[in-house]
Amino acid sequence: MIKTDKRTIYVELLEEETPCWRPVEADFVGNELYRITGVKRQDEVWAFSIGDVVKCKMKTFQADDPKLVAIEKIIE
């Protein structure tokens, strides 16, 4: 069995009145890259899709600890 390194990353929600980010499960691919594997709610529009490999960076949300956020889709 192949062991994957599961992480929580944050994907921006589109079509919202204020900036919103959804925590989603992703597999660490390497070198700041993650493959989105989480489950999407039907009523949400995400900036990236399940299965996309995305580059992530750290972002601080208000007084919260920094979180990994998806910033760019990587073409494989």
C-alpha atoms as a PDB file:
ATOM      1  CA  MET A   1       0.000   0.000   0.000  1.00  0.00           C
ATOM      2  CA  ILE A   2       1.322   3.457  -0.918  1.00  0.00           C
ATOM      3  CA  LYS A   3       1.392   5.909   1.958  1.00  0.00           C
ATOM      4  CA  THR A   4       0.265   9.430   1.084  1.00  0.00           C
ATOM      5  CA  ASP A   5       0.953  12.563   3.036  1.00  0.00           C
ATOM      6  CA  LYS A   6      -2.502  14.083   3.592  1.00  0.00           C
ATOM      7  CA  ARG A   7      -2.701  17.766   4.414  1.00  0.00           C
ATOM      8  CA  THR A   8      -5.383  20.386   4.791  1.00  0.00           C
ATOM      9  CA  ILE A   9      -5.100  23.243   2.336  1.00  0.00           C
ATOM     10  CA  TYR A  10      -7.459  26.160   1.747  1.00  0.00           C
ATOM     11  CA  VAL A  11      -9.142  26.844  -1.599  1.00  0.00           C
ATOM     12  CA  GLU A  12     -10.780  30.178  -2.361  1.00  0.00           C
ATOM     13  CA  LEU A  13     -14.540  30.138  -2.834  1.00  0.00           C
ATOM     14  CA  LEU A  14     -15.715  32.156  -5.816  1.00  0.00           C
ATOM     15  CA  GLU A  15     -19.037  33.969  -6.171  1.00  0.00           C
ATOM     16  CA  GLU A  16     -19.107  34.938  -2.486  1.00  0.00           C
ATOM     17  CA  GLU A  17     -19.832  38.454  -1.204  1.00  0.00           C
ATOM     18  CA  THR A  18     -16.703  38.473   0.940  1.00  0.00           C
ATOM     19  CA  PRO A  19     -13.427  36.557   0.554  1.00  0.00           C
ATOM     20  CA  CYS A  20     -13.984  32.972   1.731  1.00  0.00           C
ATOM     21  CA  TRP A  21     -11.697  29.950   1.883  1.00  0.00           C
ATOM     22  CA  ARG A  22     -12.701  26.281   2.230  1.00  0.00           C
ATOM     23  CA  PRO A  23     -10.419  23.814   4.042  1.00  0.00           C
ATOM     24  CA  VAL A  24      -9.999  20.740   1.832  1.00  0.00           C
ATOM     25  CA  GLU A  25      -7.971  17.544   1.968  1.00  0.00           C
ATOM     26  CA  ALA A  26      -5.000  17.266  -0.370  1.00  0.00           C
ATOM     27  CA  ASP A  27      -2.069  14.933  -1.000  1.00  0.00           C
ATOM     28  CA  PHE A  28       1.392  16.444  -0.710  1.00  0.00           C
ATOM     29  CA  VAL A  29       3.124  15.982  -4.071  1.00  0.00           C
ATOM     30  CA  GLY A  30       6.370  17.777  -3.223  1.00  0.00           C
ATOM     31  CA  ASN A  31       8.008  21.182  -3.559  1.00  0.00           C
ATOM     32  CA  GLU A  32       4.966  23.272  -2.437  1.00  0.00           C
ATOM     33  CA  LEU A  33       2.629  21.180  -4.651  1.00  0.00           C
ATOM     34  CA  TYR A  34      -0.573  19.457  -3.532  1.00  0.00           C
ATOM     35  CA  ARG A  35      -3.246  17.400  -5.330  1.00  0.00           C
ATOM     36  CA  ILE A  36      -6.756  18.331  -4.179  1.00  0.00           C
ATOM     37  CA  THR A  37      -8.644  15.220  -3.016  1.00  0.00           C
ATOM     38  CA  GLY A  38     -11.354  16.648  -0.770  1.00  0.00           C
ATOM     39  CA  VAL A  39     -15.097  16.577  -1.278  1.00  0.00           C
ATOM     40  CA  LYS A  40     -16.792  19.613  -2.829  1.00  0.00           C
ATOM     41  CA  ARG A  41     -20.235  20.802  -1.806  1.00  0.00           C
ATOM     42  CA  GLN A  42     -22.522  21.224  -4.813  1.00  0.00           C
ATOM     43  CA  ASP A  43     -23.500  24.772  -3.861  1.00  0.00           C
ATOM     44  CA  GLU A  44     -19.886  26.046  -3.851  1.00  0.00           C
ATOM     45  CA  VAL A  45     -17.742  27.344  -6.690  1.00  0.00           C
ATOM     46  CA  TRP A  46     -14.050  26.701  -6.022  1.00  0.00           C
ATOM     47  CA  ALA A  47     -11.093  28.468  -7.619  1.00  0.00           C
ATOM     48  CA  PHE A  48      -9.592  24.989  -8.269  1.00  0.00           C
ATOM     49  CA  SER A  49     -11.092  21.536  -8.821  1.00  0.00           C
ATOM     50  CA  ILE A  50     -10.730  18.129  -7.216  1.00  0.00           C
ATOM     51  CA  GLY A  51      -7.758  16.391  -8.835  1.00  0.00           C
ATOM     52  CA  ASP A  52      -5.936  19.641  -9.643  1.00  0.00           C
ATOM     53  CA  VAL A  53      -2.295  19.927  -8.610  1.00  0.00           C
ATOM     54  CA  VAL A  54      -1.851  23.351  -7.052  1.00  0.00           C
ATOM     55  CA  LYS A  55       1.026  25.389  -5.696  1.00  0.00           C
ATOM     56  CA  CYS A  56       0.417  26.560  -2.141  1.00  0.00           C
ATOM     57  CA  LYS A  57       1.819  29.288   0.058  1.00  0.00           C
ATOM     58  CA  MET A  58       1.298  30.253   3.679  1.00  0.00           C
ATOM     59  CA  LYS A  59      -1.362  32.900   4.404  1.00  0.00           C
ATOM     60  CA  THR A  60      -2.409  34.347   7.742  1.00  0.00           C
ATOM     61  CA  PHE A  61      -6.146  34.841   8.242  1.00  0.00           C
ATOM     62  CA  GLN A  62      -6.702  37.658  10.762  1.00  0.00           C
ATOM     63  CA  ALA A  63      -5.328  36.566  14.159  1.00  0.00           C
ATOM     64  CA  ASP A  64      -5.204  32.879  13.162  1.00  0.00           C
ATOM     65  CA  ASP A  65      -2.126  30.735  12.584  1.00  0.00           C
ATOM     66  CA  PRO A  66      -0.833  30.696   8.972  1.00  0.00           C
ATOM     67  CA  LYS A  67      -2.579  28.203   6.681  1.00  0.00           C
ATOM     68  CA  LEU A  68      -1.599  26.643   3.330  1.00  0.00           C
ATOM     69  CA  VAL A  69      -3.646  28.239   0.544  1.00  0.00           C
ATOM     70  CA  ALA A  70      -3.840  27.203  -3.114  1.00  0.00           C
ATOM     71  CA  ILE A  71      -2.540  30.007  -5.319  1.00  0.00           C
ATOM     72  CA  GLU A  72      -1.885  28.489  -8.737  1.00  0.00           C
ATOM     73  CA  LYS A  73      -2.882  25.438 -10.779  1.00  0.00           C
ATOM     74  CA  ILE A  74       0.089  23.472 -12.093  1.00  0.00           C
ATOM     75  CA  ILE A  75      -0.259  21.982 -15.573  1.00  0.00           C
ATOM     76  CA  GLU A  76       1.081  18.437 -15.575  1.00  0.00           C
END
